[in-house]
Amino acid sequence: MTYAEPPVRRNERIEPRWDGRMPPPVAPSRRPPAAPRPRSPYIVAHWRGEFPIWQSFWVGGALVGIALLIIETALLEWLKAHHLSLTSMLVLASVYAAARLTISVWQVVGILRSAALSASGWAVPVNILMVLAILGLVGSLPARIHELQALSHGATAQRRLSNFTLVPDPIAHAIVVKGNVGVGYADAVVEALNAHPDIHRLVLDSLGGDVDNAMQLHDYLAAHPGITAEVDHACVSACTVVFTGASERVVSVHGTLGFHQMHSMIDSRVSNDYVDNEQQRFKSILTTLGASPDFVRLAFAKQGDEFYSPDATALFANHIITGLRIDDRVFSAAQWRTEKFLYGFSLSPSSQPMGKALTLIREQSPGIYDAWVARDLQIEQEASRDHRLADYNVSLWHALHAARAAAMHTTAADHVRSFAIARRDMLMDISQQFSADACGRYLAGLSFIGGKQADAIYETNGQSYVGLLSDNDPARRIDVDWTLGTRELNRVRSHVAQTVPVQPGPDYHTQLCHQQVALLDELLLLSPAGSDMALRALFATPM
């Protein structure tokens, strides 16, 4: 085989050769462009960890967390303004809790995945923060579950409270609401008042209930001063919040206003703080009305089922009520100040006859009645209860004796004789049921312990004065022969003093009783004219 050129050996050096021409330029390669990577939605991209670690942490973590806090704050304010029922709040809280948990998981998982795919040196501290976030999330779950359970219990309790009834009463010209202050209570009352614009009385009968509904109705009444709130039976707890919203507040003499501490139906910080704020607001309302610090302290000293129930005098003094209803009359504070002493006699069957006697005295002898009231107003200021009771008793006998003396000029003879017989019989009853000593102590104006039997004596005494005054006419004048009466009275007294003497000593009161009975017996045995004149002379002077 012949070669044009000898073959090149491996160890042979080949000299470079160049003919002076440049090689043709190489055409640039035309590779096909890469297909565009599909772009995930933000939520999916964060979940997959597709964002840089800084973006996942600061945007998906911190910024979204701040937005959630703003939303929670706004949601709480919205709930306060819209007064949802606890059942609606339970549904809303459950939905929000589930959404909040879902968002927290989305945040943490997305940040962890972004850190795992990142070569940044911040991946380690970010992972540590996320582990702490997971621990915090897991640790908060029991508290969140407890809050939902408490809200559920509160919603159940609130539904049980929603058993009120509302009846417009055109005859009484009132809206009558009975039952607990529950869900829809305020709205129902407002709708009823708006539907009956000619009715301006709201009669309340409730043992309490939902503070939120009570405050809503309180604010409505405060904005409509033409409505009068009245209580015939009981208005306790949250009902008193409603009551104090009205400009005119009337309670029946048989009604009860009860105050105590507010308490939350839900054992949660937010709910407890809300109730505490409402209680502070109610304290401010009472203070604005004119309640004293002592009244406010007592009003919130009771807890649970116990409550503070002030009497009408205290309610007037602290401007809680503007009127007190007794039957068909409404008394102002000034009127009750003088009426309360007479009204006290109507509370017991044994004292009612004495109250009727005092009513007759007010009609027949206003000066005597006014003097009695003035004395009792002074006695009311005494510190010792025992002293007050003793002085009230003395004040009453002063009024009775003064009215009896005045009646001797104007009442008929048969009423004078009946009064004398009733008085003698009463003294004999005291002697028989208790002792002659008790009878004498009564005559001397001293007290004796008698229990229920003493109540019967008190009732009998009141009836005797009613009998004396029932037919008395102050405008009538009886032709009384005071000279004859005094002469006959002195003669009989002298005779009785000899036959039934009274000597100082341990038997003084016993002898005094026997002598007084004997005196009345002999006066009743005189001739009609002499007896009448002598009895008038006797009863016209203190005994």
Protein backbone atom coordinates (compact mmCIF):
# COMPACT_ATOMS: atom_id res chain seq x y z
CA MET A 1 0.00 0.00 0.00
CA THR A 2 1.34 3.35 -0.95
CA TYR A 3 0.75 6.44 1.21
CA ALA A 4 0.96 9.96 -0.06
CA GLU A 5 2.44 10.93 3.19
CA PRO A 6 4.07 8.78 5.77
CA PRO A 7 1.85 8.07 8.78
CA VAL A 8 2.32 10.16 11.91
CA ARG A 9 3.94 8.42 14.74
CA ARG A 10 2.98 9.06 18.29
CA ASN A 11 6.34 10.29 19.34
CA GLU A 12 6.74 12.49 16.28
CA ARG A 13 6.32 16.25 16.66
CA ILE A 14 4.09 17.87 14.08
CA GLU A 15 4.79 21.42 13.14
CA PRO A 16 1.77 23.70 13.06
CA ARG A 17 0.71 24.93 9.69
CA TRP A 18 -1.67 27.78 8.73
CA ASP A 19 -2.59 28.94 5.35
CA GLY A 20 -3.51 32.41 6.60
CA ARG A 21 -7.26 32.04 6.41
CA MET A 22 -9.68 32.46 9.36
CA PRO A 23 -12.19 29.72 10.08
CA PRO A 24 -15.77 30.54 9.30
CA PRO A 25 -17.74 31.94 12.26
CA VAL A 26 -19.72 29.43 14.27
CA ALA A 27 -23.44 30.01 14.09
CA PRO A 28 -25.04 30.53 17.54
CA SER A 29 -27.07 27.59 18.80
CA ARG A 30 -30.83 28.11 18.77
CA ARG A 31 -32.12 26.10 21.70
CA PRO A 32 -35.93 26.13 22.23
CA PRO A 33 -37.01 28.42 25.15
CA ALA A 34 -37.87 26.65 28.42
CA ALA A 35 -41.59 26.29 29.17
CA PRO A 36 -42.78 28.92 31.80
CA ARG A 37 -43.08 27.50 35.32
CA PRO A 38 -46.73 27.51 36.43
CA ARG A 39 -47.42 30.24 39.13
CA SER A 40 -49.44 28.97 42.17
CA PRO A 41 -52.01 31.13 43.99
CA TYR A 42 -50.58 32.89 47.04
CA ILE A 43 -52.27 30.61 49.57
CA VAL A 44 -51.07 27.47 47.78
CA ALA A 45 -47.60 28.89 47.15
CA HIS A 46 -47.15 29.74 50.84
CA TRP A 47 -48.44 26.31 51.87
CA ARG A 48 -45.88 24.64 49.55
CA GLY A 49 -43.02 26.84 50.75
CA GLU A 50 -42.40 28.33 47.31
CA PHE A 51 -41.67 31.84 48.61
CA PRO A 52 -38.31 32.99 49.94
CA ILE A 53 -38.00 32.49 53.67
CA TRP A 54 -38.15 36.22 54.41
CA GLN A 55 -41.40 36.57 52.50
CA SER A 56 -42.98 33.53 54.14
CA PHE A 57 -42.02 34.71 57.63
CA TRP A 58 -42.76 38.43 57.42
CA VAL A 59 -45.71 38.40 55.05
CA GLY A 60 -47.38 35.04 55.62
CA GLY A 61 -46.49 34.99 59.30
CA ALA A 62 -46.09 38.42 60.90
CA LEU A 63 -48.26 40.54 58.59
CA VAL A 64 -51.12 38.03 58.47
CA GLY A 65 -50.89 37.68 62.29
CA ILE A 66 -51.21 41.45 62.75
CA ALA A 67 -54.17 41.49 60.37
CA LEU A 68 -55.85 38.78 62.44
CA LEU A 69 -55.36 40.79 65.65
CA ILE A 70 -56.96 43.82 64.00
CA ILE A 71 -59.86 41.67 62.81
CA GLU A 72 -60.33 40.21 66.32
CA THR A 73 -60.38 43.67 67.91
CA ALA A 74 -62.86 44.97 65.35
CA LEU A 75 -64.99 41.85 65.80
CA LEU A 76 -65.17 42.34 69.57
CA GLU A 77 -66.23 45.97 69.13
CA TRP A 78 -68.84 44.90 66.61
CA LEU A 79 -70.22 42.31 69.02
CA LYS A 80 -70.48 44.91 71.80
CA ALA A 81 -72.36 47.26 69.48
CA HIS A 82 -74.80 44.70 68.04
CA HIS A 83 -75.77 42.84 71.27
CA LEU A 84 -75.97 39.35 69.80
CA SER A 85 -77.45 36.53 71.84
CA LEU A 86 -75.01 34.08 73.39
CA THR A 87 -76.25 31.39 71.00
CA SER A 88 -75.34 33.54 68.00
CA MET A 89 -72.03 34.38 69.63
CA LEU A 90 -71.36 30.67 70.17
CA VAL A 91 -71.88 29.95 66.46
CA LEU A 92 -69.72 32.91 65.46
CA ALA A 93 -66.98 32.03 67.95
CA SER A 94 -66.91 28.39 66.83
CA VAL A 95 -66.59 29.36 63.17
CA TYR A 96 -63.91 31.92 63.95
CA ALA A 97 -61.96 29.50 66.19
CA ALA A 98 -61.93 26.87 63.43
CA ALA A 99 -60.85 29.46 60.86
CA ARG A 100 -58.17 30.83 63.19
CA LEU A 101 -56.76 27.38 63.82
CA THR A 102 -56.71 26.64 60.10
CA ILE A 103 -54.88 29.89 59.34
CA SER A 104 -52.33 29.23 62.11
CA VAL A 105 -51.55 25.77 60.72
CA TRP A 106 -51.25 27.26 57.20
CA GLN A 107 -48.85 29.93 58.47
CA VAL A 108 -46.58 27.57 60.40
CA VAL A 109 -46.44 24.79 57.76
CA GLY A 110 -45.70 27.27 54.96
CA ILE A 111 -42.87 28.91 56.90
CA LEU A 112 -41.36 25.55 57.88
CA ARG A 113 -41.41 24.34 54.26
CA SER A 114 -39.88 27.58 53.03
CA ALA A 115 -37.12 27.24 55.64
CA ALA A 116 -36.48 23.63 54.59
CA LEU A 117 -36.04 24.63 50.94
CA SER A 118 -33.91 27.65 51.76
CA ALA A 119 -30.13 27.72 52.03
CA SER A 120 -30.33 30.91 54.11
CA GLY A 121 -28.69 31.11 57.50
CA TRP A 122 -32.03 32.35 58.91
CA ALA A 123 -33.58 28.92 58.46
CA VAL A 124 -32.45 27.67 61.88
CA PRO A 125 -33.81 30.57 64.01
CA VAL A 126 -37.00 30.56 61.94
CA ASN A 127 -37.44 26.82 62.62
CA ILE A 128 -36.95 27.46 66.35
CA LEU A 129 -39.58 30.21 66.30
CA MET A 130 -42.01 27.95 64.50
CA VAL A 131 -41.49 25.17 67.04
CA LEU A 132 -42.31 27.67 69.79
CA ALA A 133 -45.36 28.78 67.81
CA ILE A 134 -46.55 25.17 67.53
CA LEU A 135 -46.12 24.65 71.27
CA GLY A 136 -48.04 27.86 71.96
CA LEU A 137 -50.82 26.85 69.60
CA VAL A 138 -51.17 23.40 71.13
CA GLY A 139 -50.99 24.85 74.64
CA SER A 140 -53.78 27.34 73.93
CA LEU A 141 -56.21 24.72 72.66
CA PRO A 142 -57.50 23.66 76.13
CA ALA A 143 -58.21 27.28 77.02
CA ARG A 144 -60.03 27.87 73.72
CA ILE A 145 -62.08 24.71 74.20
CA HIS A 146 -62.93 25.80 77.77
CA GLU A 147 -64.09 29.20 76.52
CA LEU A 148 -66.34 27.59 73.93
CA GLN A 149 -67.76 25.25 76.56
CA ALA A 150 -68.39 28.20 78.91
CA LEU A 151 -70.05 30.08 76.07
CA SER A 152 -72.20 27.04 75.37
CA HIS A 153 -73.29 26.83 79.03
CA GLY A 154 -73.99 30.57 79.05
CA ALA A 155 -76.07 30.31 75.87
CA THR A 156 -78.10 27.49 77.43
CA ALA A 157 -78.68 29.55 80.60
CA GLN A 158 -79.64 32.60 78.55
CA ARG A 159 -82.19 30.63 76.56
CA ARG A 160 -83.78 29.50 79.83
CA LEU A 161 -84.12 33.16 80.82
CA SER A 162 -86.12 34.03 77.72
CA ASN A 163 -89.47 33.20 79.32
CA PHE A 164 -90.89 36.69 79.70
CA THR A 165 -94.40 37.75 78.74
CA LEU A 166 -95.42 41.18 77.47
CA VAL A 167 -99.04 42.33 77.55
CA PRO A 168 -100.30 45.79 76.58
CA ASP A 169 -103.08 46.75 79.01
CA PRO A 170 -105.19 49.55 77.51
CA ILE A 171 -107.43 49.71 80.59
CA ALA A 172 -104.52 50.26 82.98
CA HIS A 173 -102.82 52.27 80.26
CA ALA A 174 -99.60 50.29 80.70
CA ILE A 175 -97.24 47.79 79.09
CA VAL A 176 -96.94 44.92 81.60
CA VAL A 177 -93.75 42.81 81.33
CA LYS A 178 -93.34 39.74 83.53
CA GLY A 179 -90.51 37.23 83.65
CA ASN A 180 -86.76 37.20 83.30
CA VAL A 181 -84.79 39.72 81.29
CA GLY A 182 -83.72 37.42 78.44
CA VAL A 183 -82.92 37.40 74.74
CA GLY A 184 -85.07 39.89 72.86
CA TYR A 185 -86.44 41.46 76.06
CA ALA A 186 -85.32 44.99 75.22
CA ASP A 187 -86.42 44.76 71.58
CA ALA A 188 -89.85 43.42 72.55
CA VAL A 189 -90.49 46.22 75.05
CA VAL A 190 -89.29 48.90 72.63
CA GLU A 191 -91.51 47.52 69.86
CA ALA A 192 -94.52 47.44 72.20
CA LEU A 193 -93.96 51.02 73.34
CA ASN A 194 -93.54 52.19 69.75
CA ALA A 195 -96.67 50.30 68.73
CA HIS A 196 -98.68 52.01 71.50
CA PRO A 197 -97.52 55.62 71.52
CA ASP A 198 -100.40 56.61 73.82
CA ILE A 199 -99.10 54.32 76.61
CA HIS A 200 -96.42 55.82 78.85
CA ARG A 201 -96.35 53.32 81.74
CA LEU A 202 -94.05 50.31 81.86
CA VAL A 203 -94.88 47.87 84.68
CA LEU A 204 -91.93 45.59 85.51
CA ASP A 205 -92.05 42.27 87.35
CA SER A 206 -88.77 40.38 87.10
CA LEU A 207 -86.14 38.62 89.21
CA GLY A 208 -83.34 39.66 86.85
CA GLY A 209 -81.55 38.16 83.88
CA ASP A 210 -79.32 39.37 81.07
CA VAL A 211 -77.30 42.52 81.86
CA ASP A 212 -76.85 43.40 78.19
CA ASN A 213 -80.59 43.47 77.45
CA ALA A 214 -81.20 45.39 80.66
CA MET A 215 -78.67 48.06 79.67
CA GLN A 216 -80.21 48.35 76.20
CA LEU A 217 -83.66 49.02 77.66
CA HIS A 218 -82.20 51.34 80.30
CA ASP A 219 -80.64 53.48 77.56
CA TYR A 220 -83.92 53.55 75.63
CA LEU A 221 -85.88 54.71 78.67
CA ALA A 222 -83.25 57.31 79.48
CA ALA A 223 -83.67 58.68 75.95
CA HIS A 224 -87.48 58.80 76.31
CA PRO A 225 -88.21 60.72 79.54
CA GLY A 226 -91.98 60.58 79.06
CA ILE A 227 -92.17 56.91 80.15
CA THR A 228 -92.84 55.96 83.79
CA ALA A 229 -91.46 52.68 85.14
CA GLU A 230 -93.48 51.01 87.90
CA VAL A 231 -92.98 47.96 90.11
CA ASP A 232 -95.96 46.29 91.75
CA HIS A 233 -94.29 43.10 92.98
CA ALA A 234 -90.57 42.51 92.46
CA CYS A 235 -87.78 44.04 90.43
CA VAL A 236 -84.45 42.42 91.28
CA SER A 237 -80.93 42.33 89.83
CA ALA A 238 -80.86 43.29 86.13
CA CYS A 239 -84.46 44.55 86.38
CA THR A 240 -83.25 47.42 88.57
CA VAL A 241 -80.99 48.51 85.70
CA VAL A 242 -84.08 48.85 83.51
CA PHE A 243 -86.05 50.58 86.27
CA THR A 244 -83.45 53.30 86.88
CA GLY A 245 -83.52 54.31 83.21
CA ALA A 246 -86.95 55.94 83.52
CA SER A 247 -87.32 59.56 84.55
CA GLU A 248 -90.36 58.72 86.73
CA ARG A 249 -89.88 55.64 88.89
CA VAL A 250 -92.78 54.44 91.04
CA VAL A 251 -92.82 51.38 93.29
CA SER A 252 -95.83 49.93 95.08
CA VAL A 253 -95.76 49.94 98.86
CA HIS A 254 -95.94 46.14 98.52
CA GLY A 255 -93.21 46.02 95.86
CA THR A 256 -89.55 45.10 96.25
CA LEU A 257 -86.43 46.48 94.60
CA GLY A 258 -83.42 44.16 95.01
CA PHE A 259 -79.79 45.03 94.28
CA HIS A 260 -76.71 42.79 94.20
CA GLN A 261 -73.45 42.23 92.35
CA MET A 262 -73.60 41.50 88.65
CA HIS A 263 -72.12 38.23 87.47
CA SER A 264 -71.25 36.86 84.06
CA MET A 265 -72.97 33.85 82.55
CA ILE A 266 -69.65 33.02 80.85
CA ASP A 267 -66.48 32.26 82.77
CA SER A 268 -64.11 34.07 80.44
CA ARG A 269 -61.86 37.09 80.73
CA VAL A 270 -63.65 39.04 78.01
CA SER A 271 -67.09 38.40 79.47
CA ASN A 272 -66.02 39.08 83.05
CA ASP A 273 -64.38 42.34 81.99
CA TYR A 274 -67.55 43.34 80.14
CA VAL A 275 -69.76 42.65 83.16
CA ASP A 276 -67.35 44.50 85.45
CA ASN A 277 -67.52 47.52 83.14
CA GLU A 278 -71.32 47.38 83.09
CA GLN A 279 -71.39 47.17 86.89
CA GLN A 280 -69.16 50.23 87.16
CA ARG A 281 -71.48 51.99 84.74
CA PHE A 282 -74.51 51.06 86.85
CA LYS A 283 -72.77 52.42 89.95
CA SER A 284 -72.24 55.68 88.09
CA ILE A 285 -75.93 55.70 87.11
CA LEU A 286 -77.01 55.31 90.74
CA THR A 287 -74.59 58.03 91.83
CA THR A 288 -75.88 60.35 89.13
CA LEU A 289 -79.45 59.78 90.34
CA GLY A 290 -78.36 60.92 93.79
CA ALA A 291 -77.56 57.68 95.66
CA SER A 292 -75.12 58.03 98.54
CA PRO A 293 -71.81 56.11 98.65
CA ASP A 294 -73.22 53.98 101.50
CA PHE A 295 -76.25 53.04 99.42
CA VAL A 296 -74.07 52.10 96.44
CA ARG A 297 -71.83 50.03 98.71
CA LEU A 298 -74.79 48.16 100.18
CA ALA A 299 -76.38 47.70 96.74
CA PHE A 300 -73.39 45.70 95.51
CA ALA A 301 -72.42 43.97 98.73
CA LYS A 302 -74.74 40.99 98.18
CA GLN A 303 -73.85 38.11 95.87
CA GLY A 304 -75.63 35.19 94.26
CA ASP A 305 -79.28 34.82 95.23
CA GLU A 306 -79.02 37.33 98.08
CA PHE A 307 -79.92 40.94 97.44
CA TYR A 308 -80.20 44.27 99.25
CA SER A 309 -83.81 45.44 99.52
CA PRO A 310 -84.04 48.98 100.94
CA ASP A 311 -87.29 50.35 102.33
CA ALA A 312 -89.25 53.21 100.80
CA THR A 313 -87.59 55.81 103.02
CA ALA A 314 -84.12 54.78 101.85
CA LEU A 315 -85.26 54.60 98.22
CA PHE A 316 -86.64 58.13 98.42
CA ALA A 317 -83.60 59.46 100.28
CA ASN A 318 -81.26 58.10 97.59
CA HIS A 319 -83.50 59.20 94.69
CA ILE A 320 -83.99 55.64 93.41
CA ILE A 321 -87.75 56.19 93.28
CA THR A 322 -89.74 59.32 92.58
CA GLY A 323 -93.08 58.01 93.83
CA LEU A 324 -94.62 55.39 96.13
CA ARG A 325 -97.99 53.90 95.23
CA ILE A 326 -100.47 53.09 98.00
CA ASP A 327 -103.69 51.80 96.48
CA ASP A 328 -104.66 54.44 93.92
CA ARG A 329 -102.51 57.23 95.32
CA VAL A 330 -98.89 57.98 94.43
CA PHE A 331 -96.96 59.75 97.17
CA SER A 332 -93.96 61.97 96.62
CA ALA A 333 -90.95 61.95 98.92
CA ALA A 334 -92.33 64.89 100.92
CA GLN A 335 -95.76 63.28 101.25
CA TRP A 336 -94.35 59.91 102.28
CA ARG A 337 -92.22 61.61 104.92
CA THR A 338 -95.37 62.30 106.91
CA GLU A 339 -97.56 59.44 105.62
CA LYS A 340 -95.17 56.62 106.58
CA PHE A 341 -96.03 56.81 110.29
CA LEU A 342 -99.73 56.31 109.65
CA TYR A 343 -99.09 53.65 107.01
CA GLY A 344 -97.08 51.60 109.50
CA PHE A 345 -100.28 50.88 111.41
CA SER A 346 -101.79 49.14 108.37
CA LEU A 347 -99.13 46.42 108.26
CA SER A 348 -100.51 44.35 111.13
CA PRO A 349 -104.13 43.35 111.85
CA SER A 350 -103.69 44.24 115.52
CA SER A 351 -102.56 47.79 114.71
CA GLN A 352 -105.04 48.53 111.92
CA PRO A 353 -107.81 49.81 114.27
CA MET A 354 -105.30 52.26 115.76
CA GLY A 355 -104.46 53.38 112.23
CA LYS A 356 -108.15 54.01 111.56
CA ALA A 357 -108.34 56.07 114.76
CA LEU A 358 -105.37 58.17 113.64
CA THR A 359 -107.01 58.66 110.24
CA LEU A 360 -110.09 60.00 112.00
CA ILE A 361 -107.87 62.30 114.07
CA ARG A 362 -106.29 63.64 110.87
CA GLU A 363 -109.74 64.42 109.48
CA GLN A 364 -111.21 65.90 112.67
CA SER A 365 -108.21 67.49 114.38
CA PRO A 366 -105.43 68.25 111.85
CA GLY A 367 -103.45 70.21 114.42
CA ILE A 368 -103.27 67.20 116.76
CA TYR A 369 -102.31 64.91 113.88
CA ASP A 370 -99.60 67.28 112.58
CA ALA A 371 -98.14 67.58 116.07
CA TRP A 372 -97.98 63.78 116.29
CA VAL A 373 -96.16 63.57 112.95
CA ALA A 374 -93.73 66.33 113.96
CA ARG A 375 -92.86 64.47 117.18
CA ASP A 376 -92.32 61.22 115.27
CA LEU A 377 -90.05 62.94 112.75
CA GLN A 378 -87.85 64.08 115.63
CA ILE A 379 -87.94 60.64 117.25
CA GLU A 380 -86.87 59.09 113.93
CA GLN A 381 -83.46 60.76 114.30
CA GLU A 382 -82.71 59.09 117.65
CA ALA A 383 -79.86 56.63 117.53
CA SER A 384 -81.17 53.94 119.89
CA ARG A 385 -83.92 51.72 118.51
CA ASP A 386 -85.26 50.97 122.01
CA HIS A 387 -85.51 54.67 122.77
CA ARG A 388 -87.27 55.31 119.49
CA LEU A 389 -89.88 52.62 120.13
CA ALA A 390 -90.58 53.93 123.64
CA ASP A 391 -90.84 57.53 122.44
CA TYR A 392 -93.07 56.55 119.51
CA ASN A 393 -95.43 54.95 122.02
CA VAL A 394 -95.51 58.06 124.22
CA SER A 395 -96.08 60.27 121.19
CA LEU A 396 -99.04 58.11 120.14
CA TRP A 397 -100.71 58.33 123.55
CA HIS A 398 -100.26 62.10 123.54
CA ALA A 399 -102.14 62.27 120.23
CA LEU A 400 -104.90 59.90 121.39
CA HIS A 401 -105.45 61.70 124.68
CA ALA A 402 -105.52 65.10 122.95
CA ALA A 403 -108.07 63.82 120.39
CA ARG A 404 -110.12 62.22 123.17
CA ALA A 405 -110.17 65.47 125.13
CA ALA A 406 -111.27 67.42 122.04
CA ALA A 407 -114.02 64.88 121.31
CA MET A 408 -115.56 65.39 124.75
CA HIS A 409 -116.85 68.75 123.45
CA THR A 410 -118.41 67.39 120.25
CA THR A 411 -119.26 63.68 120.44
CA ALA A 412 -122.60 62.15 121.43
CA ALA A 413 -123.30 60.79 124.95
CA ASP A 414 -123.70 57.18 123.82
CA HIS A 415 -120.21 57.23 122.26
CA VAL A 416 -118.73 58.60 125.48
CA ARG A 417 -120.42 55.86 127.52
CA SER A 418 -119.36 53.12 125.06
CA PHE A 419 -115.78 54.37 125.24
CA ALA A 420 -115.84 54.22 129.06
CA ILE A 421 -117.23 50.67 129.05
CA ALA A 422 -114.64 49.57 126.47
CA ARG A 423 -111.84 51.09 128.54
CA ARG A 424 -113.04 49.40 131.77
CA ASP A 425 -113.33 46.04 129.99
CA MET A 426 -109.87 46.42 128.51
CA LEU A 427 -108.33 47.07 131.93
CA MET A 428 -110.10 44.01 133.32
CA ASP A 429 -108.83 41.90 130.39
CA ILE A 430 -105.28 43.00 131.08
CA SER A 431 -105.70 42.02 134.73
CA GLN A 432 -107.14 38.62 133.86
CA GLN A 433 -104.81 37.72 131.00
CA PHE A 434 -101.66 39.11 132.55
CA SER A 435 -101.89 40.64 136.01
CA ALA A 436 -103.26 43.62 137.90
CA ASP A 437 -99.68 44.88 138.06
CA ALA A 438 -99.50 44.87 134.23
CA CYS A 439 -102.80 46.76 134.17
CA GLY A 440 -101.41 49.41 136.52
CA ARG A 441 -98.20 49.69 134.52
CA TYR A 442 -100.27 50.29 131.39
CA LEU A 443 -102.19 53.08 133.16
CA ALA A 444 -98.89 54.61 134.28
CA GLY A 445 -97.62 54.66 130.69
CA LEU A 446 -95.09 51.87 131.29
CA SER A 447 -94.57 48.93 128.98
CA PHE A 448 -95.19 45.31 129.81
CA ILE A 449 -94.28 42.18 127.85
CA GLY A 450 -97.35 40.41 126.59
CA GLY A 451 -96.63 38.84 123.20
CA LYS A 452 -99.63 38.05 121.01
CA GLN A 453 -102.05 38.65 123.88
CA ALA A 454 -100.72 42.20 124.10
CA ASP A 455 -101.49 42.59 120.39
CA ALA A 456 -105.13 41.75 121.17
CA ILE A 457 -105.19 44.43 123.92
CA TYR A 458 -103.67 46.93 121.49
CA GLU A 459 -106.31 46.08 118.89
CA THR A 460 -109.11 46.48 121.45
CA ASN A 461 -107.78 49.86 122.51
CA GLY A 462 -107.67 51.01 118.90
CA GLN A 463 -111.25 49.88 118.37
CA SER A 464 -112.40 51.87 121.42
CA TYR A 465 -110.95 55.06 119.93
CA VAL A 466 -112.52 54.31 116.55
CA GLY A 467 -115.88 53.95 118.31
CA LEU A 468 -115.39 57.24 120.12
CA LEU A 469 -114.38 59.22 117.04
CA SER A 470 -116.44 57.58 114.29
CA ASP A 471 -119.52 59.76 114.89
CA ASN A 472 -117.63 62.78 116.14
CA ASP A 473 -118.31 66.06 114.37
CA PRO A 474 -115.87 68.89 115.22
CA ALA A 475 -118.42 71.43 113.98
CA ARG A 476 -121.00 70.18 116.48
CA ARG A 477 -121.12 71.59 119.97
CA ILE A 478 -122.52 69.60 122.88
CA ASP A 479 -123.99 71.53 125.80
CA VAL A 480 -121.65 70.20 128.47
CA ASP A 481 -122.21 71.14 132.08
CA TRP A 482 -118.57 71.07 133.13
CA THR A 483 -119.43 72.22 136.64
CA LEU A 484 -121.73 69.26 137.19
CA GLY A 485 -119.25 66.91 135.61
CA THR A 486 -116.34 68.09 137.73
CA ARG A 487 -118.40 67.97 140.92
CA GLU A 488 -119.63 64.41 140.28
CA LEU A 489 -116.17 63.24 139.21
CA ASN A 490 -114.52 64.63 142.35
CA ARG A 491 -117.19 63.11 144.60
CA VAL A 492 -116.78 59.64 143.09
CA ARG A 493 -113.01 59.92 143.12
CA SER A 494 -113.00 60.80 146.79
CA HIS A 495 -115.18 57.82 147.60
CA VAL A 496 -113.08 55.40 145.51
CA ALA A 497 -109.85 56.73 147.04
CA GLN A 498 -111.18 55.69 150.43
CA THR A 499 -112.50 52.28 149.41
CA VAL A 500 -109.64 51.38 147.05
CA PRO A 501 -106.63 53.37 148.26
CA VAL A 502 -103.34 53.56 146.37
CA GLN A 503 -100.19 53.55 148.48
CA PRO A 504 -96.55 53.80 147.37
CA GLY A 505 -94.76 50.47 147.39
CA PRO A 506 -94.42 47.22 145.43
CA ASP A 507 -98.23 46.96 145.00
CA TYR A 508 -98.62 50.47 143.64
CA HIS A 509 -99.49 49.45 140.07
CA THR A 510 -101.86 46.72 141.24
CA GLN A 511 -103.74 49.18 143.45
CA LEU A 512 -103.79 51.75 140.63
CA CYS A 513 -105.50 49.26 138.34
CA HIS A 514 -108.16 48.31 140.89
CA GLN A 515 -108.85 51.95 141.70
CA GLN A 516 -109.29 52.91 138.02
CA VAL A 517 -111.71 50.03 137.36
CA ALA A 518 -113.69 50.94 140.46
CA LEU A 519 -113.80 54.60 139.38
CA LEU A 520 -115.22 53.73 135.95
CA ASP A 521 -117.76 51.34 137.51
CA GLU A 522 -119.11 54.00 139.85
CA LEU A 523 -119.19 56.69 137.17
CA LEU A 524 -121.20 54.39 134.91
CA LEU A 525 -123.71 53.81 137.73
CA LEU A 526 -124.53 57.51 138.13
CA SER A 527 -127.66 59.07 136.70
CA PRO A 528 -127.51 59.52 132.91
CA ALA A 529 -126.81 63.24 133.02
CA GLY A 530 -124.37 63.01 135.92
CA SER A 531 -122.61 60.00 134.40
CA ASP A 532 -122.24 61.68 131.00
CA MET A 533 -120.90 64.93 132.44
CA ALA A 534 -118.54 63.15 134.87
CA LEU A 535 -117.15 60.88 132.14
CA ARG A 536 -116.58 63.86 129.85
CA ALA A 537 -114.74 65.62 132.68
CA LEU A 538 -112.65 62.48 133.26
CA PHE A 539 -111.69 61.95 129.61
CA ALA A 540 -111.09 65.64 128.95
CA THR A 541 -108.03 65.51 131.21
CA PRO A 542 -105.00 63.16 131.10
CA MET A 543 -105.54 60.00 133.14
